[in-house]
Amino acid sequence: MTAADIIRYARALYRAHGDRAEAEAAQRVRVETDAGNTAEAETWRRIRRSIHEMRGPRAT
């Protein structure tokens, strides 16, 4: 998946799930890792990082 594809997918996931999107991506990382799908897990890590960056700093 290209960097542009990662960003597009992260935006779509964020639109669909809002603040829950990062947790959804993290769950997919765990599922793919547990299944031994390292390439897919890395794609989901990239998507999660992109979502995290989109959300920006969180107020405490």
N, C-alpha and C. Protein backbone atom coordinates (compact mmCIF):
# COMPACT_ATOMS: atom_id res chain seq x y z
N MET A 1 0.84 -1.16 0.00
CA MET A 1 0.00 0.00 0.00
C MET A 1 0.90 1.24 0.00
N THR A 2 0.60 2.18 -0.87
CA THR A 2 1.41 3.40 -0.93
C THR A 2 1.07 4.32 0.24
N ALA A 3 1.92 5.31 0.45
CA ALA A 3 1.68 6.28 1.52
C ALA A 3 0.36 7.01 1.30
N ALA A 4 0.05 7.35 0.06
CA ALA A 4 -1.21 8.02 -0.24
C ALA A 4 -2.40 7.12 0.07
N ASP A 5 -2.26 5.83 -0.22
CA ASP A 5 -3.34 4.88 0.09
C ASP A 5 -3.55 4.77 1.60
N ILE A 6 -2.46 4.76 2.35
CA ILE A 6 -2.54 4.69 3.82
C ILE A 6 -3.33 5.89 4.35
N ILE A 7 -2.99 7.07 3.86
CA ILE A 7 -3.66 8.29 4.31
C ILE A 7 -5.14 8.26 3.95
N ARG A 8 -5.45 7.85 2.72
CA ARG A 8 -6.86 7.76 2.31
C ARG A 8 -7.63 6.78 3.18
N TYR A 9 -7.04 5.63 3.44
CA TYR A 9 -7.71 4.62 4.25
C TYR A 9 -7.88 5.12 5.68
N ALA A 10 -6.85 5.77 6.23
CA ALA A 10 -6.92 6.30 7.59
C ALA A 10 -8.02 7.35 7.70
N ARG A 11 -8.13 8.22 6.71
CA ARG A 11 -9.18 9.24 6.73
C ARG A 11 -10.57 8.61 6.67
N ALA A 12 -10.73 7.62 5.81
CA ALA A 12 -12.02 6.94 5.70
C ALA A 12 -12.38 6.25 7.01
N LEU A 13 -11.41 5.59 7.62
CA LEU A 13 -11.65 4.91 8.89
C LEU A 13 -12.01 5.92 9.98
N TYR A 14 -11.32 7.06 9.99
CA TYR A 14 -11.61 8.09 10.98
C TYR A 14 -13.00 8.69 10.77
N ARG A 15 -13.38 8.90 9.51
CA ARG A 15 -14.73 9.41 9.24
C ARG A 15 -15.79 8.41 9.70
N ALA A 16 -15.52 7.14 9.50
CA ALA A 16 -16.50 6.11 9.85
C ALA A 16 -16.57 5.85 11.36
N HIS A 17 -15.44 5.94 12.06
CA HIS A 17 -15.39 5.53 13.46
C HIS A 17 -15.04 6.65 14.44
N GLY A 18 -14.70 7.82 13.92
CA GLY A 18 -14.35 8.93 14.81
C GLY A 18 -13.18 8.59 15.71
N ASP A 19 -13.29 9.00 16.97
CA ASP A 19 -12.18 8.77 17.91
C ASP A 19 -11.89 7.30 18.15
N ARG A 20 -12.78 6.43 17.78
CA ARG A 20 -12.59 4.99 17.96
C ARG A 20 -11.72 4.38 16.84
N ALA A 21 -11.44 5.15 15.80
CA ALA A 21 -10.71 4.63 14.64
C ALA A 21 -9.32 4.11 15.00
N GLU A 22 -8.61 4.82 15.85
CA GLU A 22 -7.26 4.38 16.22
C GLU A 22 -7.32 3.04 16.95
N ALA A 23 -8.29 2.87 17.82
CA ALA A 23 -8.46 1.59 18.52
C ALA A 23 -8.83 0.48 17.55
N GLU A 24 -9.64 0.79 16.56
CA GLU A 24 -10.01 -0.20 15.54
C GLU A 24 -8.76 -0.66 14.78
N ALA A 25 -7.92 0.29 14.40
CA ALA A 25 -6.68 -0.05 13.69
C ALA A 25 -5.77 -0.88 14.58
N ALA A 26 -5.69 -0.54 15.87
CA ALA A 26 -4.84 -1.30 16.80
C ALA A 26 -5.34 -2.74 16.92
N GLN A 27 -6.64 -2.91 16.94
CA GLN A 27 -7.22 -4.26 16.99
C GLN A 27 -6.83 -5.06 15.76
N ARG A 28 -6.87 -4.41 14.60
CA ARG A 28 -6.47 -5.10 13.36
C ARG A 28 -4.99 -5.49 13.39
N VAL A 29 -4.16 -4.63 14.00
CA VAL A 29 -2.73 -4.97 14.15
C VAL A 29 -2.62 -6.27 14.95
N ARG A 30 -3.33 -6.35 16.07
CA ARG A 30 -3.27 -7.55 16.91
C ARG A 30 -3.76 -8.79 16.16
N VAL A 31 -4.87 -8.67 15.46
CA VAL A 31 -5.43 -9.80 14.72
C VAL A 31 -4.43 -10.30 13.68
N GLU A 32 -3.88 -9.38 12.90
CA GLU A 32 -2.93 -9.78 11.85
C GLU A 32 -1.64 -10.33 12.43
N THR A 33 -1.17 -9.75 13.53
CA THR A 33 0.04 -10.25 14.18
C THR A 33 -0.18 -11.66 14.71
N ASP A 34 -1.30 -11.85 15.38
CA ASP A 34 -1.62 -13.18 15.92
C ASP A 34 -1.75 -14.23 14.82
N ALA A 35 -2.21 -13.80 13.65
CA ALA A 35 -2.37 -14.72 12.52
C ALA A 35 -1.05 -14.94 11.77
N GLY A 36 -0.01 -14.20 12.15
CA GLY A 36 1.29 -14.36 11.50
C GLY A 36 1.41 -13.58 10.20
N ASN A 37 0.49 -12.66 9.97
CA ASN A 37 0.49 -11.85 8.74
C ASN A 37 1.27 -10.56 8.99
N THR A 38 2.59 -10.65 8.92
CA THR A 38 3.42 -9.51 9.30
C THR A 38 3.25 -8.31 8.36
N ALA A 39 3.11 -8.55 7.08
CA ALA A 39 2.96 -7.44 6.13
C ALA A 39 1.64 -6.70 6.39
N GLU A 40 0.58 -7.45 6.61
CA GLU A 40 -0.72 -6.82 6.87
C GLU A 40 -0.69 -6.08 8.20
N ALA A 41 -0.04 -6.66 9.21
CA ALA A 41 0.08 -6.00 10.50
C ALA A 41 0.83 -4.67 10.36
N GLU A 42 1.88 -4.66 9.56
CA GLU A 42 2.63 -3.42 9.36
C GLU A 42 1.79 -2.38 8.64
N THR A 43 0.98 -2.79 7.69
CA THR A 43 0.07 -1.85 7.02
C THR A 43 -0.88 -1.22 8.03
N TRP A 44 -1.44 -2.03 8.93
CA TRP A 44 -2.35 -1.50 9.95
C TRP A 44 -1.62 -0.61 10.94
N ARG A 45 -0.35 -0.89 11.22
CA ARG A 45 0.44 0.01 12.08
C ARG A 45 0.59 1.38 11.42
N ARG A 46 0.84 1.37 10.13
CA ARG A 46 0.98 2.63 9.39
C ARG A 46 -0.34 3.39 9.38
N ILE A 47 -1.45 2.67 9.21
CA ILE A 47 -2.76 3.30 9.23
C ILE A 47 -3.01 3.91 10.61
N ARG A 48 -2.68 3.16 11.66
CA ARG A 48 -2.88 3.66 13.03
C ARG A 48 -2.06 4.92 13.29
N ARG A 49 -0.80 4.92 12.85
CA ARG A 49 0.04 6.11 13.02
C ARG A 49 -0.55 7.30 12.29
N SER A 50 -1.07 7.07 11.10
CA SER A 50 -1.68 8.15 10.32
C SER A 50 -2.91 8.72 11.04
N ILE A 51 -3.72 7.86 11.60
CA ILE A 51 -4.89 8.31 12.36
C ILE A 51 -4.43 9.11 13.57
N HIS A 52 -3.42 8.61 14.26
CA HIS A 52 -2.89 9.30 15.44
C HIS A 52 -2.43 10.71 15.07
N GLU A 53 -1.74 10.84 13.96
CA GLU A 53 -1.26 12.14 13.51
C GLU A 53 -2.42 13.06 13.14
N MET A 54 -3.46 12.51 12.53
CA MET A 54 -4.62 13.32 12.16
C MET A 54 -5.31 13.88 13.39
N ARG A 55 -5.38 13.09 14.44
CA ARG A 55 -6.07 13.51 15.66
C ARG A 55 -5.35 14.64 16.35
N GLY A 56 -4.03 14.70 16.19
CA GLY A 56 -3.25 15.77 16.80
C GLY A 56 -3.13 15.61 18.31
N PRO A 57 -2.55 16.63 18.95
CA PRO A 57 -2.36 16.56 20.40
C PRO A 57 -3.70 16.54 21.13
N ARG A 58 -3.75 15.75 22.15
CA ARG A 58 -4.98 15.62 22.94
C ARG A 58 -4.91 16.53 24.16
N ALA A 59 -6.01 17.17 24.47
CA ALA A 59 -6.06 18.02 25.67
C ALA A 59 -6.10 17.12 26.91
N THR A 60 -5.46 17.56 27.96
CA THR A 60 -5.47 16.77 29.20
C THR A 60 -6.34 17.41 30.23
